[in-house]
Amino acid sequence: MPDSAPQQLLHLVIGGELVDLEHNTFKNLDDVEIVGLYPNYATAHAAWRAKAQSTVDNAQMRYFIVHLHRLLDPGQEPKPAR
């Protein structure tokens, strides 16, 4: 990646209803919601917070941030922000 290109640390926000609160096992995979794909943690966190707060009445509903950049290149350390 050229040095002039902005660094992308891709994050995925997903969520759904869990079987129980002790495990991260979704009750129904067909109902898992893909909230979105985000270029950095800050925007992913904002989306996660909005979805989590909108479902506060359902204790079984959980949303997660998946660090896709770690899965795509697990040996790569993020560059420090300039």
PDB file of N, CA and C in Angstrom:
ATOM      1  N   MET A   1       0.859  -1.168   0.000  1.00  0.00           N
ATOM      2  CA  MET A   1       0.000   0.000   0.000  1.00  0.00           C
ATOM      3  C   MET A   1       0.906   1.232   0.000  1.00  0.00           C
ATOM      4  N   PRO A   2       0.640   2.199  -0.888  1.00  0.00           N
ATOM      5  CA  PRO A   2       1.441   3.420  -0.906  1.00  0.00           C
ATOM      6  C   PRO A   2       1.296   4.180   0.405  1.00  0.00           C
ATOM      7  N   ASP A   3       2.370   4.887   0.787  1.00  0.00           N
ATOM      8  CA  ASP A   3       2.336   5.634   2.040  1.00  0.00           C
ATOM      9  C   ASP A   3       1.275   6.720   2.051  1.00  0.00           C
ATOM     10  N   SER A   4       0.877   7.223   0.872  1.00  0.00           N
ATOM     11  CA  SER A   4      -0.111   8.302   0.814  1.00  0.00           C
ATOM     12  C   SER A   4      -1.543   7.797   1.022  1.00  0.00           C
ATOM     13  N   ALA A   5      -1.757   6.495   0.844  1.00  0.00           N
ATOM     14  CA  ALA A   5      -3.105   5.938   1.005  1.00  0.00           C
ATOM     15  C   ALA A   5      -3.445   5.848   2.489  1.00  0.00           C
ATOM     16  N   PRO A   6      -4.688   6.194   2.853  1.00  0.00           N
ATOM     17  CA  PRO A   6      -5.070   6.078   4.262  1.00  0.00           C
ATOM     18  C   PRO A   6      -5.093   4.609   4.676  1.00  0.00           C
ATOM     19  N   GLN A   7      -4.671   4.344   5.893  1.00  0.00           N
ATOM     20  CA  GLN A   7      -4.677   2.984   6.397  1.00  0.00           C
ATOM     21  C   GLN A   7      -6.101   2.568   6.725  1.00  0.00           C
ATOM     22  N   GLN A   8      -6.457   1.381   6.281  1.00  0.00           N
ATOM     23  CA  GLN A   8      -7.781   0.853   6.586  1.00  0.00           C
ATOM     24  C   GLN A   8      -7.642  -0.306   7.559  1.00  0.00           C
ATOM     25  N   LEU A   9      -8.273  -0.188   8.664  1.00  0.00           N
ATOM     26  CA  LEU A   9      -8.345  -1.273   9.634  1.00  0.00           C
ATOM     27  C   LEU A   9      -9.802  -1.708   9.684  1.00  0.00           C
ATOM     28  N   LEU A  10     -10.169  -2.597   8.762  1.00  0.00           N
ATOM     29  CA  LEU A  10     -11.570  -2.966   8.571  1.00  0.00           C
ATOM     30  C   LEU A  10     -12.166  -3.640   9.801  1.00  0.00           C
ATOM     31  N   HIS A  11     -13.385  -3.214  10.123  1.00  0.00           N
ATOM     32  CA  HIS A  11     -14.145  -3.761  11.244  1.00  0.00           C
ATOM     33  C   HIS A  11     -15.565  -4.060  10.775  1.00  0.00           C
ATOM     34  N   LEU A  12     -16.101  -5.166  11.243  1.00  0.00           N
ATOM     35  CA  LEU A  12     -17.456  -5.595  10.919  1.00  0.00           C
ATOM     36  C   LEU A  12     -18.285  -5.568  12.195  1.00  0.00           C
ATOM     37  N   VAL A  13     -19.479  -5.009  12.115  1.00  0.00           N
ATOM     38  CA  VAL A  13     -20.386  -5.001  13.261  1.00  0.00           C
ATOM     39  C   VAL A  13     -21.557  -5.930  12.932  1.00  0.00           C
ATOM     40  N   ILE A  14     -21.748  -6.933  13.797  1.00  0.00           N
ATOM     41  CA  ILE A  14     -22.841  -7.894  13.632  1.00  0.00           C
ATOM     42  C   ILE A  14     -23.563  -8.053  14.959  1.00  0.00           C
ATOM     43  N   GLY A  15     -24.757  -8.597  14.893  1.00  0.00           N
ATOM     44  CA  GLY A  15     -25.478  -8.831  16.143  1.00  0.00           C
ATOM     45  C   GLY A  15     -26.674  -9.725  15.947  1.00  0.00           C
ATOM     46  N   GLY A  16     -27.191 -10.165  17.071  1.00  0.00           N
ATOM     47  CA  GLY A  16     -28.364 -11.009  17.048  1.00  0.00           C
ATOM     48  C   GLY A  16     -28.690 -11.499  18.446  1.00  0.00           C
ATOM     49  N   GLU A  17     -29.724 -12.292  18.517  1.00  0.00           N
ATOM     50  CA  GLU A  17     -30.174 -12.812  19.804  1.00  0.00           C
ATOM     51  C   GLU A  17     -29.361 -14.050  20.161  1.00  0.00           C
ATOM     52  N   LEU A  18     -28.868 -14.095  21.407  1.00  0.00           N
ATOM     53  CA  LEU A  18     -28.049 -15.207  21.872  1.00  0.00           C
ATOM     54  C   LEU A  18     -28.910 -16.285  22.531  1.00  0.00           C
ATOM     55  N   VAL A  19     -28.381 -17.506  22.521  1.00  0.00           N
ATOM     56  CA  VAL A  19     -29.048 -18.627  23.186  1.00  0.00           C
ATOM     57  C   VAL A  19     -29.100 -18.349  24.685  1.00  0.00           C
ATOM     58  N   ASP A  20     -27.971 -17.927  25.258  1.00  0.00           N
ATOM     59  CA  ASP A  20     -27.911 -17.549  26.667  1.00  0.00           C
ATOM     60  C   ASP A  20     -26.800 -16.524  26.834  1.00  0.00           C
ATOM     61  N   LEU A  21     -26.727 -15.918  27.981  1.00  0.00           N
ATOM     62  CA  LEU A  21     -25.764 -14.846  28.202  1.00  0.00           C
ATOM     63  C   LEU A  21     -24.378 -15.353  28.575  1.00  0.00           C
ATOM     64  N   GLU A  22     -24.235 -16.646  28.770  1.00  0.00           N
ATOM     65  CA  GLU A  22     -22.940 -17.228  29.134  1.00  0.00           C
ATOM     66  C   GLU A  22     -22.066 -17.524  27.916  1.00  0.00           C
ATOM     67  N   HIS A  23     -22.674 -17.583  26.733  1.00  0.00           N
ATOM     68  CA  HIS A  23     -21.936 -17.960  25.523  1.00  0.00           C
ATOM     69  C   HIS A  23     -22.286 -17.015  24.379  1.00  0.00           C
ATOM     70  N   ASN A  24     -21.381 -16.894  23.449  1.00  0.00           N
ATOM     71  CA  ASN A  24     -21.628 -16.075  22.257  1.00  0.00           C
ATOM     72  C   ASN A  24     -22.146 -16.949  21.125  1.00  0.00           C
ATOM     73  N   THR A  25     -23.246 -17.627  21.391  1.00  0.00           N
ATOM     74  CA  THR A  25     -23.879 -18.501  20.402  1.00  0.00           C
ATOM     75  C   THR A  25     -25.215 -17.892  20.009  1.00  0.00           C
ATOM     76  N   PHE A  26     -25.367 -17.602  18.720  1.00  0.00           N
ATOM     77  CA  PHE A  26     -26.606 -16.993  18.246  1.00  0.00           C
ATOM     78  C   PHE A  26     -27.733 -18.017  18.237  1.00  0.00           C
ATOM     79  N   LYS A  27     -28.912 -17.559  18.599  1.00  0.00           N
ATOM     80  CA  LYS A  27     -30.105 -18.408  18.640  1.00  0.00           C
ATOM     81  C   LYS A  27     -30.470 -18.891  17.240  1.00  0.00           C
ATOM     82  N   ASN A  28     -30.396 -18.000  16.253  1.00  0.00           N
ATOM     83  CA  ASN A  28     -30.767 -18.342  14.881  1.00  0.00           C
ATOM     84  C   ASN A  28     -29.841 -17.584  13.920  1.00  0.00           C
ATOM     85  N   LEU A  29     -28.983 -18.310  13.224  1.00  0.00           N
ATOM     86  CA  LEU A  29     -28.027 -17.666  12.318  1.00  0.00           C
ATOM     87  C   LEU A  29     -28.704 -16.922  11.172  1.00  0.00           C
ATOM     88  N   ASP A  30     -29.906 -17.345  10.804  1.00  0.00           N
ATOM     89  CA  ASP A  30     -30.638 -16.647   9.742  1.00  0.00           C
ATOM     90  C   ASP A  30     -31.052 -15.243  10.163  1.00  0.00           C
ATOM     91  N   ASP A  31     -31.111 -15.015  11.465  1.00  0.00           N
ATOM     92  CA  ASP A  31     -31.531 -13.713  11.976  1.00  0.00           C
ATOM     93  C   ASP A  31     -30.374 -12.812  12.399  1.00  0.00           C
ATOM     94  N   VAL A  32     -29.133 -13.265  12.208  1.00  0.00           N
ATOM     95  CA  VAL A  32     -27.983 -12.433  12.572  1.00  0.00           C
ATOM     96  C   VAL A  32     -27.957 -11.215  11.642  1.00  0.00           C
ATOM     97  N   GLU A  33     -27.852 -10.053  12.246  1.00  0.00           N
ATOM     98  CA  GLU A  33     -27.859  -8.799  11.494  1.00  0.00           C
ATOM     99  C   GLU A  33     -26.433  -8.345  11.213  1.00  0.00           C
ATOM    100  N   ILE A  34     -26.162  -8.057   9.961  1.00  0.00           N
ATOM    101  CA  ILE A  34     -24.892  -7.446   9.588  1.00  0.00           C
ATOM    102  C   ILE A  34     -25.140  -5.943   9.551  1.00  0.00           C
ATOM    103  N   VAL A  35     -24.630  -5.263  10.559  1.00  0.00           N
ATOM    104  CA  VAL A  35     -24.856  -3.824  10.677  1.00  0.00           C
ATOM    105  C   VAL A  35     -24.062  -3.078   9.619  1.00  0.00           C
ATOM    106  N   GLY A  36     -22.793  -3.451   9.450  1.00  0.00           N
ATOM    107  CA  GLY A  36     -21.991  -2.796   8.430  1.00  0.00           C
ATOM    108  C   GLY A  36     -20.513  -3.078   8.554  1.00  0.00           C
ATOM    109  N   LEU A  37     -19.787  -2.622   7.550  1.00  0.00           N
ATOM    110  CA  LEU A  37     -18.340  -2.740   7.455  1.00  0.00           C
ATOM    111  C   LEU A  37     -17.769  -1.340   7.568  1.00  0.00           C
ATOM    112  N   TYR A  38     -16.766  -1.165   8.424  1.00  0.00           N
ATOM    113  CA  TYR A  38     -16.261   0.179   8.730  1.00  0.00           C
ATOM    114  C   TYR A  38     -14.742   0.237   8.579  1.00  0.00           C
ATOM    115  N   PRO A  39     -14.207   1.393   8.177  1.00  0.00           N
ATOM    116  CA  PRO A  39     -12.777   1.516   7.874  1.00  0.00           C
ATOM    117  C   PRO A  39     -11.885   1.686   9.098  1.00  0.00           C
ATOM    118  N   ASN A  40     -12.484   1.871  10.275  1.00  0.00           N
ATOM    119  CA  ASN A  40     -11.680   2.033  11.487  1.00  0.00           C
ATOM    120  C   ASN A  40     -12.540   1.700  12.708  1.00  0.00           C
ATOM    121  N   TYR A  41     -11.862   1.560  13.832  1.00  0.00           N
ATOM    122  CA  TYR A  41     -12.551   1.158  15.053  1.00  0.00           C
ATOM    123  C   TYR A  41     -13.539   2.222  15.534  1.00  0.00           C
ATOM    124  N   ALA A  42     -13.178   3.483  15.398  1.00  0.00           N
ATOM    125  CA  ALA A  42     -14.039   4.556  15.916  1.00  0.00           C
ATOM    126  C   ALA A  42     -15.420   4.539  15.264  1.00  0.00           C
ATOM    127  N   THR A  43     -15.480   4.390  13.956  1.00  0.00           N
ATOM    128  CA  THR A  43     -16.782   4.370  13.285  1.00  0.00           C
ATOM    129  C   THR A  43     -17.529   3.071  13.577  1.00  0.00           C
ATOM    130  N   ALA A  44     -16.800   1.968  13.688  1.00  0.00           N
ATOM    131  CA  ALA A  44     -17.436   0.694  14.045  1.00  0.00           C
ATOM    132  C   ALA A  44     -18.015   0.775  15.454  1.00  0.00           C
ATOM    133  N   HIS A  45     -17.285   1.379  16.355  1.00  0.00           N
ATOM    134  CA  HIS A  45     -17.749   1.503  17.739  1.00  0.00           C
ATOM    135  C   HIS A  45     -19.005   2.367  17.819  1.00  0.00           C
ATOM    136  N   ALA A  46     -19.061   3.433  17.041  1.00  0.00           N
ATOM    137  CA  ALA A  46     -20.245   4.294  17.021  1.00  0.00           C
ATOM    138  C   ALA A  46     -21.467   3.514  16.518  1.00  0.00           C
ATOM    139  N   ALA A  47     -21.280   2.709  15.472  1.00  0.00           N
ATOM    140  CA  ALA A  47     -22.383   1.898  14.946  1.00  0.00           C
ATOM    141  C   ALA A  47     -22.795   0.830  15.954  1.00  0.00           C
ATOM    142  N   TRP A  48     -21.813   0.197  16.585  1.00  0.00           N
ATOM    143  CA  TRP A  48     -22.094  -0.815  17.611  1.00  0.00           C
ATOM    144  C   TRP A  48     -22.900  -0.207  18.762  1.00  0.00           C
ATOM    145  N   ARG A  49     -22.473   0.940  19.235  1.00  0.00           N
ATOM    146  CA  ARG A  49     -23.145   1.593  20.362  1.00  0.00           C
ATOM    147  C   ARG A  49     -24.596   1.933  20.007  1.00  0.00           C
ATOM    148  N   ALA A  50     -24.818   2.457  18.813  1.00  0.00           N
ATOM    149  CA  ALA A  50     -26.175   2.822  18.393  1.00  0.00           C
ATOM    150  C   ALA A  50     -27.082   1.594  18.345  1.00  0.00           C
ATOM    151  N   LYS A  51     -26.584   0.480  17.776  1.00  0.00           N
ATOM    152  CA  LYS A  51     -27.407  -0.732  17.694  1.00  0.00           C
ATOM    153  C   LYS A  51     -27.632  -1.333  19.070  1.00  0.00           C
ATOM    154  N   ALA A  52     -26.597  -1.359  19.900  1.00  0.00           N
ATOM    155  CA  ALA A  52     -26.735  -1.932  21.243  1.00  0.00           C
ATOM    156  C   ALA A  52     -27.734  -1.129  22.066  1.00  0.00           C
ATOM    157  N   GLN A  53     -27.689   0.176  21.971  1.00  0.00           N
ATOM    158  CA  GLN A  53     -28.618   1.007  22.732  1.00  0.00           C
ATOM    159  C   GLN A  53     -30.046   0.887  22.220  1.00  0.00           C
ATOM    160  N   SER A  54     -30.190   0.611  20.923  1.00  0.00           N
ATOM    161  CA  SER A  54     -31.550   0.501  20.369  1.00  0.00           C
ATOM    162  C   SER A  54     -32.232  -0.808  20.760  1.00  0.00           C
ATOM    163  N   THR A  55     -31.454  -1.778  21.252  1.00  0.00           N
ATOM    164  CA  THR A  55     -32.032  -3.075  21.624  1.00  0.00           C
ATOM    165  C   THR A  55     -31.888  -3.341  23.113  1.00  0.00           C
ATOM    166  N   VAL A  56     -31.769  -2.304  23.908  1.00  0.00           N
ATOM    167  CA  VAL A  56     -31.522  -2.445  25.344  1.00  0.00           C
ATOM    168  C   VAL A  56     -32.647  -3.193  26.061  1.00  0.00           C
ATOM    169  N   ASP A  57     -33.835  -3.200  25.515  1.00  0.00           N
ATOM    170  CA  ASP A  57     -34.966  -3.886  26.151  1.00  0.00           C
ATOM    171  C   ASP A  57     -34.904  -5.412  26.017  1.00  0.00           C
ATOM    172  N   ASN A  58     -34.060  -5.917  25.122  1.00  0.00           N
ATOM    173  CA  ASN A  58     -33.929  -7.358  24.920  1.00  0.00           C
ATOM    174  C   ASN A  58     -32.578  -7.802  25.478  1.00  0.00           C
ATOM    175  N   ALA A  59     -32.582  -8.423  26.640  1.00  0.00           N
ATOM    176  CA  ALA A  59     -31.335  -8.814  27.309  1.00  0.00           C
ATOM    177  C   ALA A  59     -30.537  -9.854  26.528  1.00  0.00           C
ATOM    178  N   GLN A  60     -31.189 -10.613  25.669  1.00  0.00           N
ATOM    179  CA  GLN A  60     -30.497 -11.654  24.897  1.00  0.00           C
ATOM    180  C   GLN A  60     -29.830 -11.103  23.639  1.00  0.00           C
ATOM    181  N   MET A  61     -30.142  -9.882  23.256  1.00  0.00           N
ATOM    182  CA  MET A  61     -29.613  -9.298  22.026  1.00  0.00           C
ATOM    183  C   MET A  61     -28.223  -8.737  22.285  1.00  0.00           C
ATOM    184  N   ARG A  62     -27.265  -9.111  21.432  1.00  0.00           N
ATOM    185  CA  ARG A  62     -25.897  -8.626  21.571  1.00  0.00           C
ATOM    186  C   ARG A  62     -25.332  -8.266  20.204  1.00  0.00           C
ATOM    187  N   TYR A  63     -24.504  -7.245  20.197  1.00  0.00           N
ATOM    188  CA  TYR A  63     -23.788  -6.825  18.991  1.00  0.00           C
ATOM    189  C   TYR A  63     -22.296  -6.911  19.255  1.00  0.00           C
ATOM    190  N   PHE A  64     -21.548  -7.213  18.209  1.00  0.00           N
ATOM    191  CA  PHE A  64     -20.116  -7.438  18.326  1.00  0.00           C
ATOM    192  C   PHE A  64     -19.360  -6.675  17.241  1.00  0.00           C
ATOM    193  N   ILE A  65     -18.135  -6.289  17.573  1.00  0.00           N
ATOM    194  CA  ILE A  65     -17.225  -5.696  16.596  1.00  0.00           C
ATOM    195  C   ILE A  65     -16.183  -6.757  16.262  1.00  0.00           C
ATOM    196  N   VAL A  66     -16.098  -7.124  14.986  1.00  0.00           N
ATOM    197  CA  VAL A  66     -15.124  -8.109  14.517  1.00  0.00           C
ATOM    198  C   VAL A  66     -13.982  -7.345  13.855  1.00  0.00           C
ATOM    199  N   HIS A  67     -12.765  -7.582  14.316  1.00  0.00           N
ATOM    200  CA  HIS A  67     -11.586  -6.905  13.775  1.00  0.00           C
ATOM    201  C   HIS A  67     -11.128  -7.654  12.527  1.00  0.00           C
ATOM    202  N   LEU A  68     -11.742  -7.325  11.383  1.00  0.00           N
ATOM    203  CA  LEU A  68     -11.434  -8.040  10.143  1.00  0.00           C
ATOM    204  C   LEU A  68      -9.986  -7.866   9.721  1.00  0.00           C
ATOM    205  N   HIS A  69      -9.397  -6.722  10.006  1.00  0.00           N
ATOM    206  CA  HIS A  69      -8.016  -6.491   9.597  1.00  0.00           C
ATOM    207  C   HIS A  69      -7.076  -7.502  10.251  1.00  0.00           C
ATOM    208  N   ARG A  70      -7.420  -7.991  11.427  1.00  0.00           N
ATOM    209  CA  ARG A  70      -6.599  -9.006  12.089  1.00  0.00           C
ATOM    210  C   ARG A  70      -6.745 -10.365  11.420  1.00  0.00           C
ATOM    211  N   LEU A  71      -7.920 -10.640  10.875  1.00  0.00           N
ATOM    212  CA  LEU A  71      -8.148 -11.911  10.177  1.00  0.00           C
ATOM    213  C   LEU A  71      -7.522 -11.901   8.794  1.00  0.00           C
ATOM    214  N   LEU A  72      -7.539 -10.746   8.132  1.00  0.00           N
ATOM    215  CA  LEU A  72      -7.003 -10.644   6.781  1.00  0.00           C
ATOM    216  C   LEU A  72      -5.486 -10.758   6.756  1.00  0.00           C
ATOM    217  N   ASP A  73      -4.823 -10.189   7.754  1.00  0.00           N
ATOM    218  CA  ASP A  73      -3.367 -10.235   7.820  1.00  0.00           C
ATOM    219  C   ASP A  73      -2.945 -10.297   9.283  1.00  0.00           C
ATOM    220  N   PRO A  74      -3.014 -11.494   9.892  1.00  0.00           N
ATOM    221  CA  PRO A  74      -2.796 -11.606  11.330  1.00  0.00           C
ATOM    222  C   PRO A  74      -1.388 -11.214  11.789  1.00  0.00           C
ATOM    223  N   GLY A  75      -0.400 -11.240  10.902  1.00  0.00           N
ATOM    224  CA  GLY A  75       0.959 -10.880  11.285  1.00  0.00           C
ATOM    225  C   GLY A  75       1.260  -9.406  11.187  1.00  0.00           C
ATOM    226  N   GLN A  76       0.362  -8.655  10.587  1.00  0.00           N
ATOM    227  CA  GLN A  76       0.609  -7.225  10.363  1.00  0.00           C
ATOM    228  C   GLN A  76       0.211  -6.422  11.579  1.00  0.00           C
ATOM    229  N   GLU A  77       1.126  -5.616  12.061  1.00  0.00           N
ATOM    230  CA  GLU A  77       0.843  -4.700  13.152  1.00  0.00           C
ATOM    231  C   GLU A  77       0.325  -3.401  12.558  1.00  0.00           C
ATOM    232  N   PRO A  78      -0.670  -2.791  13.152  1.00  0.00           N
ATOM    233  CA  PRO A  78      -1.162  -1.507  12.635  1.00  0.00           C
ATOM    234  C   PRO A  78      -0.083  -0.436  12.729  1.00  0.00           C
ATOM    235  N   LYS A  79      -0.047   0.423  11.708  1.00  0.00           N
ATOM    236  CA  LYS A  79       0.886   1.539  11.717  1.00  0.00           C
ATOM    237  C   LYS A  79       0.380   2.609  12.684  1.00  0.00           C
ATOM    238  N   PRO A  80       1.298   3.274  13.377  1.00  0.00           N
ATOM    239  CA  PRO A  80       0.844   4.362  14.247  1.00  0.00           C
ATOM    240  C   PRO A  80       0.257   5.506  13.419  1.00  0.00           C
ATOM    241  N   ALA A  81      -0.741   6.172  13.970  1.00  0.00           N
ATOM    242  CA  ALA A  81      -1.374   7.305  13.275  1.00  0.00           C
ATOM    243  C   ALA A  81      -0.374   8.435  13.169  1.00  0.00           C
ATOM    244  N   ARG A  82      -0.439   9.115  12.056  1.00  0.00           N
ATOM    245  CA  ARG A  82       0.483  10.259  11.850  1.00  0.00           C
ATOM    246  C   ARG A  82      -0.115  11.523  12.351  1.00  0.00           C
TER     247      ARG A  82
END
